[in-house]
Protein backbone atom coordinates (compact mmCIF):
# COMPACT_ATOMS: atom_id res chain seq x y z
CA MET A 1 -0.08 -0.06 0.18
CA HIS A 2 1.48 3.34 -0.95
CA LEU A 3 0.84 5.24 2.04
CA ASN A 4 3.03 7.84 3.60
CA LYS A 5 0.59 10.39 5.05
CA ILE A 6 -2.94 10.29 5.57
CA LYS A 7 -5.61 12.87 6.09
CA LEU A 8 -8.92 12.76 8.23
CA THR A 9 -12.01 14.67 7.68
CA LYS A 10 -12.36 17.99 9.80
CA ASP A 11 -15.30 15.97 11.56
CA ALA A 12 -13.38 12.88 12.24
CA SER A 13 -10.26 15.12 13.44
CA ASP A 14 -12.80 17.20 15.76
CA ARG A 15 -14.01 13.58 17.40
CA LEU A 16 -10.47 12.50 17.75
CA LYS A 17 -9.80 15.72 19.76
CA GLN A 18 -13.20 15.16 21.90
CA LEU A 19 -11.95 11.49 22.48
CA LYS A 20 -8.55 12.19 23.40
CA ALA A 21 -10.24 14.70 26.16
CA ARG A 22 -12.53 12.25 27.18
CA THR A 23 -10.30 9.10 27.67
CA GLY A 24 -6.70 10.60 27.89
CA LEU A 25 -5.47 8.32 25.03
CA THR A 26 -3.49 9.42 22.10
CA PRO A 27 -5.02 10.23 18.79
CA ASN A 28 -3.04 7.43 16.91
CA ILE A 29 -4.33 4.88 19.51
CA LEU A 30 -8.02 6.05 18.99
CA SER A 31 -7.63 6.00 15.47
CA ARG A 32 -6.25 2.36 15.59
CA ILE A 33 -9.15 1.20 17.94
CA GLY A 34 -11.78 3.01 15.51
CA PHE A 35 -10.14 1.59 12.23
CA CYS A 36 -10.78 -2.03 13.84
CA MET A 37 -14.30 -0.97 14.57
CA SER A 38 -15.15 -0.24 11.11
CA LEU A 39 -13.53 -3.18 9.79
CA SER A 40 -15.89 -5.00 12.25
CA ASP A 41 -18.89 -3.00 10.34
CA PRO A 42 -20.34 -5.27 7.77
CA ALA A 43 -21.38 -2.44 5.47
CA ILE A 44 -18.65 -1.03 2.79
CA PRO A 45 -17.60 2.37 3.54
CA ASP A 46 -17.95 4.90 0.73
CA PRO A 47 -14.14 6.43 0.39
CA GLY A 48 -15.97 9.39 -1.37
CA GLU A 49 -17.82 10.47 1.90
CA TYR A 50 -14.61 11.18 3.36
CA PRO A 51 -12.36 13.96 1.78
CA GLU A 52 -8.93 14.60 2.82
CA GLU A 53 -9.48 17.72 4.73
CA ASP A 54 -7.75 18.18 8.55
CA ARG A 55 -5.35 16.18 10.82
CA GLU A 56 -2.66 14.45 8.99
CA PHE A 57 -0.73 11.45 10.47
CA ASN A 58 2.17 9.89 9.09
CA ARG A 59 2.12 6.26 8.44
CA TYR A 60 4.54 5.05 11.21
CA THR A 61 2.73 7.36 13.54
CA LEU A 62 -0.53 5.83 13.02
CA LEU A 63 0.27 2.38 12.63
CA GLY A 64 3.45 1.90 14.56
CA GLU A 65 5.12 -1.59 14.76
CA TRP A 66 1.61 -3.19 13.54
CA ASP A 67 1.73 -1.61 10.18
CA ALA A 68 1.84 -4.98 8.45
CA LEU A 69 -0.94 -6.35 10.52
CA TYR A 70 -3.34 -3.38 9.74
CA VAL A 71 -2.49 -3.65 6.10
CA ALA A 72 -3.31 -7.31 6.07
CA MET A 73 -6.58 -6.80 8.05
CA LEU A 74 -7.75 -4.11 5.28
CA ARG A 75 -6.53 -6.32 2.49
CA GLN A 76 -8.57 -9.43 3.64
CA ARG A 77 -11.66 -6.93 4.39
CA MET A 78 -11.31 -5.76 1.00
CA LEU A 79 -11.15 -9.30 -0.64
CA ASN A 80 -14.38 -10.41 1.69
CA ASP A 81 -16.17 -7.28 0.30
CA GLU A 82 -15.31 -8.61 -2.96
CA LEU A 83 -14.09 -5.04 -4.49
CA PRO A 84 -13.03 -4.70 -7.60
CA ASP A 85 -9.04 -5.28 -8.34
CA ASP A 86 -8.53 -1.53 -9.32
CA ALA A 87 -9.98 -0.44 -5.63
CA VAL A 88 -7.65 1.91 -4.32
CA GLU A 89 -6.29 0.44 -0.91
CA VAL A 90 -5.39 4.01 0.32
CA ASP A 91 -8.93 5.44 -0.26
CA TYR A 92 -10.51 2.43 1.78
CA PHE A 93 -7.99 2.73 4.27
CA ARG A 94 -8.97 6.26 4.72
CA ALA A 95 -12.85 5.28 4.65
CA HIS A 96 -12.36 2.80 7.25
CA LEU A 97 -10.38 5.22 9.38
CA ASN A 98 -12.53 8.00 9.30
CA ARG A 99 -15.88 5.79 9.90
CA GLY A 100 -14.25 4.27 12.88
CA VAL A 101 -13.08 7.16 14.68
CA ILE A 102 -16.84 8.85 14.09
CA ALA A 103 -18.22 5.31 15.19
CA LEU A 104 -15.99 5.24 18.33
CA SER A 105 -16.71 8.85 19.36
CA ARG A 106 -20.40 8.04 19.30
CA GLN A 107 -20.22 5.07 21.82
CA VAL A 108 -16.89 6.30 24.13
CA LYS A 109 -17.99 9.18 26.59
CA SER A 110 -15.15 7.91 29.01
CA ILE A 111 -12.10 5.64 29.40
CA ALA A 112 -14.49 3.19 31.03
CA ASP A 113 -16.95 3.15 28.07
CA LEU A 114 -13.68 2.30 26.09
CA ALA A 115 -12.87 -0.54 28.41
CA SER A 116 -16.53 -1.94 28.08
CA LEU A 117 -15.74 -2.29 24.06
CA ALA A 118 -12.99 -4.60 24.90
CA ILE A 119 -15.30 -6.68 27.22
CA THR A 120 -17.95 -7.32 24.79
């Protein structure tokens, strides 16, 4: 996947700021959790709904030493969704990242809420 930097929508970026204030966790950790939440949602996200507008992450900051794992999960999801061969991984990565952060912000109002997600 050819991705060095990725930008979030303004909405997702604002929600990350709120989540950081609520939980004390860094935006990259929260983004990873949101990304995984989006992958577990059976609906296919529309990359066109998530323009690159605001906060920018570099790839290593966002994915860290787990880069290969996140890319493999995305690729498997794209195969499961039977997306066409010309589907751009970066666009779907950005879509899952944004959708996940937005979903996470709707469910998590405190660190306790986040912990309860791990239990269920």
